[in-house]
């Protein structure tokens, strides 16, 4: 009994700091993805290439304007996915 290993999807999580936003987490984290819009999209795309099917992330700072600006990262990510 048990699950077929091929039926289990991979999930990962990370923190994302957009350019010019700055972190509000109170310190430098080792697991943060940051950089230009294109660099962030490329790092997120690497998760997909590694087999991750579901990616969760926390935008830092967690504000409406940051969420709105993250749309540019999604567009760049979709362009990488073809």
PDB file of N, CA and C in Angstrom:
ATOM      1  N   UNK A   1       0.827  -1.163   0.000  1.00  0.00           N
ATOM      2  CA  UNK A   1       0.000   0.000   0.000  1.00  0.00           C
ATOM      3  C   UNK A   1       0.881   1.239   0.000  1.00  0.00           C
ATOM      4  N   UNK A   2       0.321   2.285  -0.430  1.00  0.00           N
ATOM      5  CA  UNK A   2       1.064   3.533  -0.491  1.00  0.00           C
ATOM      6  C   UNK A   2       0.774   4.237  -1.792  1.00  0.00           C
ATOM      7  N   UNK A   3       1.336   5.386  -1.889  1.00  0.00           N
ATOM      8  CA  UNK A   3       1.121   6.190  -3.086  1.00  0.00           C
ATOM      9  C   UNK A   3       2.197   5.910  -4.115  1.00  0.00           C
ATOM     10  N   UNK A   4       1.790   6.007  -5.349  1.00  0.00           N
ATOM     11  CA  UNK A   4       2.742   5.954  -6.446  1.00  0.00           C
ATOM     12  C   UNK A   4       3.567   7.235  -6.377  1.00  0.00           C
ATOM     13  N   UNK A   5       4.889   7.136  -6.233  1.00  0.00           N
ATOM     14  CA  UNK A   5       5.721   8.341  -6.127  1.00  0.00           C
ATOM     15  C   UNK A   5       5.520   9.324  -7.277  1.00  0.00           C
ATOM     16  N   UNK A   6       5.155   8.842  -8.443  1.00  0.00           N
ATOM     17  CA  UNK A   6       4.956   9.748  -9.577  1.00  0.00           C
ATOM     18  C   UNK A   6       3.682  10.583  -9.437  1.00  0.00           C
ATOM     19  N   UNK A   7       2.827  10.241  -8.467  1.00  0.00           N
ATOM     20  CA  UNK A   7       1.597  10.997  -8.257  1.00  0.00           C
ATOM     21  C   UNK A   7       1.793  12.147  -7.272  1.00  0.00           C
ATOM     22  N   UNK A   8       2.984  12.264  -6.725  1.00  0.00           N
ATOM     23  CA  UNK A   8       3.261  13.315  -5.738  1.00  0.00           C
ATOM     24  C   UNK A   8       3.930  14.493  -6.426  1.00  0.00           C
ATOM     25  N   UNK A   9       3.340  15.677  -6.297  1.00  0.00           N
ATOM     26  CA  UNK A   9       3.916  16.887  -6.887  1.00  0.00           C
ATOM     27  C   UNK A   9       4.868  17.561  -5.913  1.00  0.00           C
ATOM     28  N   UNK A  10       5.787  18.308  -6.461  1.00  0.00           N
ATOM     29  CA  UNK A  10       6.763  19.030  -5.655  1.00  0.00           C
ATOM     30  C   UNK A  10       6.280  20.454  -5.407  1.00  0.00           C
ATOM     31  N   UNK A  11       6.417  20.906  -4.162  1.00  0.00           N
ATOM     32  CA  UNK A  11       6.057  22.253  -3.752  1.00  0.00           C
ATOM     33  C   UNK A  11       7.270  22.902  -3.109  1.00  0.00           C
ATOM     34  N   UNK A  12       7.446  24.197  -3.344  1.00  0.00           N
ATOM     35  CA  UNK A  12       8.539  24.944  -2.733  1.00  0.00           C
ATOM     36  C   UNK A  12       8.038  26.313  -2.334  1.00  0.00           C
ATOM     37  N   UNK A  13       8.798  26.998  -1.501  1.00  0.00           N
ATOM     38  CA  UNK A  13       8.444  28.345  -1.086  1.00  0.00           C
ATOM     39  C   UNK A  13       9.688  29.203  -0.949  1.00  0.00           C
ATOM     40  N   UNK A  14       9.513  30.503  -1.127  1.00  0.00           N
ATOM     41  CA  UNK A  14      10.631  31.429  -1.026  1.00  0.00           C
ATOM     42  C   UNK A  14      10.117  32.833  -0.726  1.00  0.00           C
ATOM     43  N   UNK A  15      11.022  33.732  -0.465  1.00  0.00           N
ATOM     44  CA  UNK A  15      10.711  35.144  -0.289  1.00  0.00           C
ATOM     45  C   UNK A  15      11.182  35.895  -1.523  1.00  0.00           C
ATOM     46  N   UNK A  16      10.458  36.941  -1.912  1.00  0.00           N
ATOM     47  CA  UNK A  16      10.821  37.747  -3.075  1.00  0.00           C
ATOM     48  C   UNK A  16      10.828  39.224  -2.673  1.00  0.00           C
ATOM     49  N   UNK A  17      11.931  39.904  -2.991  1.00  0.00           N
ATOM     50  CA  UNK A  17      12.034  41.345  -2.799  1.00  0.00           C
ATOM     51  C   UNK A  17      12.209  41.968  -4.172  1.00  0.00           C
ATOM     52  N   UNK A  18      11.268  42.832  -4.561  1.00  0.00           N
ATOM     53  CA  UNK A  18      11.320  43.473  -5.873  1.00  0.00           C
ATOM     54  C   UNK A  18      12.353  44.598  -5.881  1.00  0.00           C
ATOM     55  N   UNK A  19      12.858  44.943  -7.077  1.00  0.00           N
ATOM     56  CA  UNK A  19      13.821  46.039  -7.172  1.00  0.00           C
ATOM     57  C   UNK A  19      13.247  47.328  -6.592  1.00  0.00           C
ATOM     58  N   UNK A  20      14.080  48.054  -5.887  1.00  0.00           N
ATOM     59  CA  UNK A  20      13.726  49.358  -5.315  1.00  0.00           C
ATOM     60  C   UNK A  20      12.666  49.300  -4.226  1.00  0.00           C
ATOM     61  N   UNK A  21      12.310  48.123  -3.763  1.00  0.00           N
ATOM     62  CA  UNK A  21      11.318  48.034  -2.686  1.00  0.00           C
ATOM     63  C   UNK A  21      12.004  47.943  -1.330  1.00  0.00           C
ATOM     64  N   UNK A  22      13.096  47.192  -1.254  1.00  0.00           N
ATOM     65  CA  UNK A  22      13.771  47.015   0.024  1.00  0.00           C
ATOM     66  C   UNK A  22      13.022  46.051   0.913  1.00  0.00           C
ATOM     67  N   UNK A  23      13.758  45.379   1.739  1.00  0.00           N
ATOM     68  CA  UNK A  23      13.180  44.389   2.636  1.00  0.00           C
ATOM     69  C   UNK A  23      12.741  45.037   3.939  1.00  0.00           C
ATOM     70  N   UNK A  24      11.627  44.570   4.470  1.00  0.00           N
ATOM     71  CA  UNK A  24      11.160  45.040   5.767  1.00  0.00           C
ATOM     72  C   UNK A  24      11.262  43.939   6.808  1.00  0.00           C
ATOM     73  N   UNK A  25      11.923  42.841   6.478  1.00  0.00           N
ATOM     74  CA  UNK A  25      11.965  41.685   7.371  1.00  0.00           C
ATOM     75  C   UNK A  25      12.901  41.877   8.558  1.00  0.00           C
ATOM     76  N   UNK A  26      13.619  42.999   8.586  1.00  0.00           N
ATOM     77  CA  UNK A  26      14.453  43.271   9.742  1.00  0.00           C
ATOM     78  C   UNK A  26      15.818  42.633   9.676  1.00  0.00           C
ATOM     79  N   UNK A  27      16.216  42.119   8.564  1.00  0.00           N
ATOM     80  CA  UNK A  27      17.527  41.509   8.436  1.00  0.00           C
ATOM     81  C   UNK A  27      17.677  40.836   7.103  1.00  0.00           C
ATOM     82  N   UNK A  28      18.879  40.458   6.803  1.00  0.00           N
ATOM     83  CA  UNK A  28      19.145  39.782   5.533  1.00  0.00           C
ATOM     84  C   UNK A  28      18.792  38.306   5.649  1.00  0.00           C
ATOM     85  N   UNK A  29      17.961  37.831   4.744  1.00  0.00           N
ATOM     86  CA  UNK A  29      17.584  36.416   4.694  1.00  0.00           C
ATOM     87  C   UNK A  29      18.428  35.732   3.637  1.00  0.00           C
ATOM     88  N   UNK A  30      18.726  34.501   3.861  1.00  0.00           N
ATOM     89  CA  UNK A  30      19.506  33.727   2.905  1.00  0.00           C
ATOM     90  C   UNK A  30      18.647  33.142   1.793  1.00  0.00           C
ATOM     91  N   UNK A  31      17.338  33.063   2.012  1.00  0.00           N
ATOM     92  CA  UNK A  31      16.437  32.407   1.051  1.00  0.00           C
ATOM     93  C   UNK A  31      15.613  33.407   0.243  1.00  0.00           C
ATOM     94  N   UNK A  32      16.138  34.608   0.039  1.00  0.00           N
ATOM     95  CA  UNK A  32      15.420  35.654  -0.686  1.00  0.00           C
ATOM     96  C   UNK A  32      15.822  35.657  -2.154  1.00  0.00           C
ATOM     97  N   UNK A  33      14.828  35.800  -3.014  1.00  0.00           N
ATOM     98  CA  UNK A  33      15.080  36.025  -4.436  1.00  0.00           C
ATOM     99  C   UNK A  33      14.907  37.513  -4.666  1.00  0.00           C
ATOM    100  N   UNK A  34      15.920  38.139  -5.236  1.00  0.00           N
ATOM    101  CA  UNK A  34      15.848  39.564  -5.525  1.00  0.00           C
ATOM    102  C   UNK A  34      16.634  39.838  -6.800  1.00  0.00           C
ATOM    103  N   UNK A  35      16.537  41.047  -7.285  1.00  0.00           N
ATOM    104  CA  UNK A  35      17.230  41.435  -8.506  1.00  0.00           C
ATOM    105  C   UNK A  35      16.281  42.189  -9.408  1.00  0.00           C
ATOM    106  N   UNK A  36      16.638  42.251 -10.680  1.00  0.00           N
ATOM    107  CA  UNK A  36      15.767  42.908 -11.650  1.00  0.00           C
ATOM    108  C   UNK A  36      14.528  42.035 -11.886  1.00  0.00           C
ATOM    109  N   UNK A  37      13.552  42.614 -12.553  1.00  0.00           N
ATOM    110  CA  UNK A  37      12.349  41.854 -12.904  1.00  0.00           C
ATOM    111  C   UNK A  37      12.708  40.575 -13.646  1.00  0.00           C
ATOM    112  N   UNK A  38      13.614  40.690 -14.603  1.00  0.00           N
ATOM    113  CA  UNK A  38      14.015  39.533 -15.413  1.00  0.00           C
ATOM    114  C   UNK A  38      14.787  38.504 -14.589  1.00  0.00           C
ATOM    115  N   UNK A  39      15.630  38.975 -13.674  1.00  0.00           N
ATOM    116  CA  UNK A  39      16.399  38.054 -12.826  1.00  0.00           C
ATOM    117  C   UNK A  39      15.482  37.286 -11.878  1.00  0.00           C
ATOM    118  N   UNK A  40      14.505  37.981 -11.316  1.00  0.00           N
ATOM    119  CA  UNK A  40      13.554  37.305 -10.436  1.00  0.00           C
ATOM    120  C   UNK A  40      12.759  36.265 -11.223  1.00  0.00           C
ATOM    121  N   UNK A  41      12.285  36.629 -12.414  1.00  0.00           N
ATOM    122  CA  UNK A  41      11.531  35.687 -13.253  1.00  0.00           C
ATOM    123  C   UNK A  41      12.376  34.462 -13.585  1.00  0.00           C
ATOM    124  N   UNK A  42      13.642  34.668 -13.893  1.00  0.00           N
ATOM    125  CA  UNK A  42      14.531  33.543 -14.222  1.00  0.00           C
ATOM    126  C   UNK A  42      14.720  32.624 -13.024  1.00  0.00           C
ATOM    127  N   UNK A  43      14.858  33.189 -11.830  1.00  0.00           N
ATOM    128  CA  UNK A  43      15.016  32.367 -10.625  1.00  0.00           C
ATOM    129  C   UNK A  43      13.747  31.573 -10.336  1.00  0.00           C
ATOM    130  N   UNK A  44      12.580  32.202 -10.534  1.00  0.00           N
ATOM    131  CA  UNK A  44      11.320  31.485 -10.330  1.00  0.00           C
ATOM    132  C   UNK A  44      11.146  30.395 -11.383  1.00  0.00           C
ATOM    133  N   UNK A  45      11.555  30.675 -12.607  1.00  0.00           N
ATOM    134  CA  UNK A  45      11.475  29.689 -13.689  1.00  0.00           C
ATOM    135  C   UNK A  45      12.348  28.479 -13.381  1.00  0.00           C
ATOM    136  N   UNK A  46      13.470  28.705 -12.716  1.00  0.00           N
ATOM    137  CA  UNK A  46      14.366  27.595 -12.351  1.00  0.00           C
ATOM    138  C   UNK A  46      13.658  26.582 -11.454  1.00  0.00           C
ATOM    139  N   UNK A  47      12.728  27.043 -10.615  1.00  0.00           N
ATOM    140  CA  UNK A  47      11.952  26.109  -9.793  1.00  0.00           C
ATOM    141  C   UNK A  47      11.147  25.177 -10.686  1.00  0.00           C
ATOM    142  N   UNK A  48      10.521  25.729 -11.715  1.00  0.00           N
ATOM    143  CA  UNK A  48       9.737  24.911 -12.634  1.00  0.00           C
ATOM    144  C   UNK A  48      10.630  23.911 -13.359  1.00  0.00           C
ATOM    145  N   UNK A  49      11.779  24.372 -13.805  1.00  0.00           N
ATOM    146  CA  UNK A  49      12.709  23.485 -14.502  1.00  0.00           C
ATOM    147  C   UNK A  49      13.205  22.361 -13.601  1.00  0.00           C
ATOM    148  N   UNK A  50      13.225  22.616 -12.294  1.00  0.00           N
ATOM    149  CA  UNK A  50      13.654  21.601 -11.326  1.00  0.00           C
ATOM    150  C   UNK A  50      12.527  20.638 -10.956  1.00  0.00           C
ATOM    151  N   UNK A  51      11.341  20.864 -11.507  1.00  0.00           N
ATOM    152  CA  UNK A  51      10.228  19.949 -11.266  1.00  0.00           C
ATOM    153  C   UNK A  51       9.205  20.433 -10.254  1.00  0.00           C
ATOM    154  N   UNK A  52       9.356  21.649  -9.752  1.00  0.00           N
ATOM    155  CA  UNK A  52       8.381  22.188  -8.801  1.00  0.00           C
ATOM    156  C   UNK A  52       7.092  22.505  -9.548  1.00  0.00           C
ATOM    157  N   UNK A  53       5.981  22.000  -9.025  1.00  0.00           N
ATOM    158  CA  UNK A  53       4.680  22.205  -9.656  1.00  0.00           C
ATOM    159  C   UNK A  53       3.869  23.305  -8.974  1.00  0.00           C
ATOM    160  N   UNK A  54       4.196  23.601  -7.732  1.00  0.00           N
ATOM    161  CA  UNK A  54       3.472  24.629  -6.974  1.00  0.00           C
ATOM    162  C   UNK A  54       4.492  25.426  -6.181  1.00  0.00           C
ATOM    163  N   UNK A  55       4.547  26.736  -6.448  1.00  0.00           N
ATOM    164  CA  UNK A  55       5.503  27.608  -5.770  1.00  0.00           C
ATOM    165  C   UNK A  55       4.749  28.658  -4.974  1.00  0.00           C
ATOM    166  N   UNK A  56       5.040  28.730  -3.692  1.00  0.00           N
ATOM    167  CA  UNK A  56       4.481  29.780  -2.861  1.00  0.00           C
ATOM    168  C   UNK A  56       5.591  30.768  -2.543  1.00  0.00           C
ATOM    169  N   UNK A  57       5.226  32.018  -2.347  1.00  0.00           N
ATOM    170  CA  UNK A  57       6.236  33.011  -2.019  1.00  0.00           C
ATOM    171  C   UNK A  57       5.606  34.118  -1.196  1.00  0.00           C
ATOM    172  N   UNK A  58       6.460  34.809  -0.473  1.00  0.00           N
ATOM    173  CA  UNK A  58       6.050  35.968   0.306  1.00  0.00           C
ATOM    174  C   UNK A  58       6.762  37.175  -0.269  1.00  0.00           C
ATOM    175  N   UNK A  59       5.977  38.133  -0.738  1.00  0.00           N
ATOM    176  CA  UNK A  59       6.565  39.382  -1.214  1.00  0.00           C
ATOM    177  C   UNK A  59       6.950  40.235  -0.015  1.00  0.00           C
ATOM    178  N   UNK A  60       8.088  40.866  -0.112  1.00  0.00           N
ATOM    179  CA  UNK A  60       8.577  41.709   0.970  1.00  0.00           C
ATOM    180  C   UNK A  60       8.982  43.051   0.390  1.00  0.00           C
ATOM    181  N   UNK A  61       8.319  44.134   0.742  1.00  0.00           N
ATOM    182  CA  UNK A  61       7.268  44.253   1.749  1.00  0.00           C
ATOM    183  C   UNK A  61       5.917  43.782   1.203  1.00  0.00           C
ATOM    184  N   UNK A  62       5.080  43.298   2.086  1.00  0.00           N
ATOM    185  CA  UNK A  62       3.759  42.797   1.715  1.00  0.00           C
ATOM    186  C   UNK A  62       2.800  43.975   1.697  1.00  0.00           C
ATOM    187  N   UNK A  63       2.767  44.653   0.558  1.00  0.00           N
ATOM    188  CA  UNK A  63       1.935  45.838   0.380  1.00  0.00           C
ATOM    189  C   UNK A  63       1.247  45.771  -0.978  1.00  0.00           C
ATOM    190  N   UNK A  64       0.168  46.516  -1.126  1.00  0.00           N
ATOM    191  CA  UNK A  64      -0.585  46.510  -2.377  1.00  0.00           C
ATOM    192  C   UNK A  64       0.307  46.894  -3.553  1.00  0.00           C
ATOM    193  N   UNK A  65       1.122  47.938  -3.410  1.00  0.00           N
ATOM    194  CA  UNK A  65       1.954  48.371  -4.539  1.00  0.00           C
ATOM    195  C   UNK A  65       2.969  47.297  -4.934  1.00  0.00           C
ATOM    196  N   UNK A  66       3.452  46.525  -3.965  1.00  0.00           N
ATOM    197  CA  UNK A  66       4.393  45.447  -4.278  1.00  0.00           C
ATOM    198  C   UNK A  66       3.689  44.345  -5.058  1.00  0.00           C
ATOM    199  N   UNK A  67       2.493  44.014  -4.638  1.00  0.00           N
ATOM    200  CA  UNK A  67       1.709  42.994  -5.346  1.00  0.00           C
ATOM    201  C   UNK A  67       1.430  43.449  -6.773  1.00  0.00           C
ATOM    202  N   UNK A  68       1.059  44.710  -6.936  1.00  0.00           N
ATOM    203  CA  UNK A  68       0.793  45.240  -8.277  1.00  0.00           C
ATOM    204  C   UNK A  68       2.051  45.203  -9.134  1.00  0.00           C
ATOM    205  N   UNK A  69       3.187  45.578  -8.582  1.00  0.00           N
ATOM    206  CA  UNK A  69       4.443  45.581  -9.333  1.00  0.00           C
ATOM    207  C   UNK A  69       4.904  44.165  -9.680  1.00  0.00           C
ATOM    208  N   UNK A  70       4.481  43.178  -8.896  1.00  0.00           N
ATOM    209  CA  UNK A  70       4.876  41.795  -9.161  1.00  0.00           C
ATOM    210  C   UNK A  70       4.293  41.299 -10.480  1.00  0.00           C
ATOM    211  N   UNK A  71       3.272  41.965 -10.989  1.00  0.00           N
ATOM    212  CA  UNK A  71       2.688  41.597 -12.280  1.00  0.00           C
ATOM    213  C   UNK A  71       3.728  41.590 -13.395  1.00  0.00           C
ATOM    214  N   UNK A  72       4.694  42.503 -13.345  1.00  0.00           N
ATOM    215  CA  UNK A  72       5.751  42.538 -14.362  1.00  0.00           C
ATOM    216  C   UNK A  72       6.615  41.285 -14.296  1.00  0.00           C
ATOM    217  N   UNK A  73       6.832  40.760 -13.083  1.00  0.00           N
ATOM    218  CA  UNK A  73       7.594  39.514 -12.929  1.00  0.00           C
ATOM    219  C   UNK A  73       6.801  38.359 -13.553  1.00  0.00           C
ATOM    220  N   UNK A  74       5.498  38.311 -13.298  1.00  0.00           N
ATOM    221  CA  UNK A  74       4.665  37.256 -13.879  1.00  0.00           C
ATOM    222  C   UNK A  74       4.715  37.305 -15.400  1.00  0.00           C
ATOM    223  N   UNK A  75       4.649  38.501 -15.976  1.00  0.00           N
ATOM    224  CA  UNK A  75       4.734  38.624 -17.434  1.00  0.00           C
ATOM    225  C   UNK A  75       6.070  38.105 -17.947  1.00  0.00           C
ATOM    226  N   UNK A  76       7.163  38.464 -17.285  1.00  0.00           N
ATOM    227  CA  UNK A  76       8.490  37.983 -17.690  1.00  0.00           C
ATOM    228  C   UNK A  76       8.601  36.472 -17.530  1.00  0.00           C
ATOM    229  N   UNK A  77       8.001  35.936 -16.477  1.00  0.00           N
ATOM    230  CA  UNK A  77       8.014  34.489 -16.250  1.00  0.00           C
ATOM    231  C   UNK A  77       7.249  33.758 -17.351  1.00  0.00           C
ATOM    232  N   UNK A  78       6.098  34.283 -17.713  1.00  0.00           N
ATOM    233  CA  UNK A  78       5.301  33.662 -18.795  1.00  0.00           C
ATOM    234  C   UNK A  78       6.064  33.689 -20.123  1.00  0.00           C
ATOM    235  N   UNK A  79       6.818  34.746 -20.356  1.00  0.00           N
ATOM    236  CA  UNK A  79       7.621  34.823 -21.589  1.00  0.00           C
ATOM    237  C   UNK A  79       8.693  33.730 -21.589  1.00  0.00           C
ATOM    238  N   UNK A  80       9.274  33.449 -20.429  1.00  0.00           N
ATOM    239  CA  UNK A  80      10.286  32.381 -20.342  1.00  0.00           C
ATOM    240  C   UNK A  80       9.667  31.003 -20.555  1.00  0.00           C
ATOM    241  N   UNK A  81       8.433  30.836 -20.125  1.00  0.00           N
ATOM    242  CA  UNK A  81       7.754  29.546 -20.250  1.00  0.00           C
ATOM    243  C   UNK A  81       7.316  29.275 -21.687  1.00  0.00           C
ATOM    244  N   UNK A  82       7.302  30.317 -22.501  1.00  0.00           N
ATOM    245  CA  UNK A  82       6.953  30.155 -23.908  1.00  0.00           C
ATOM    246  C   UNK A  82       5.525  29.972 -24.101  1.00  0.00           C
TER     247      UNK A  82
END
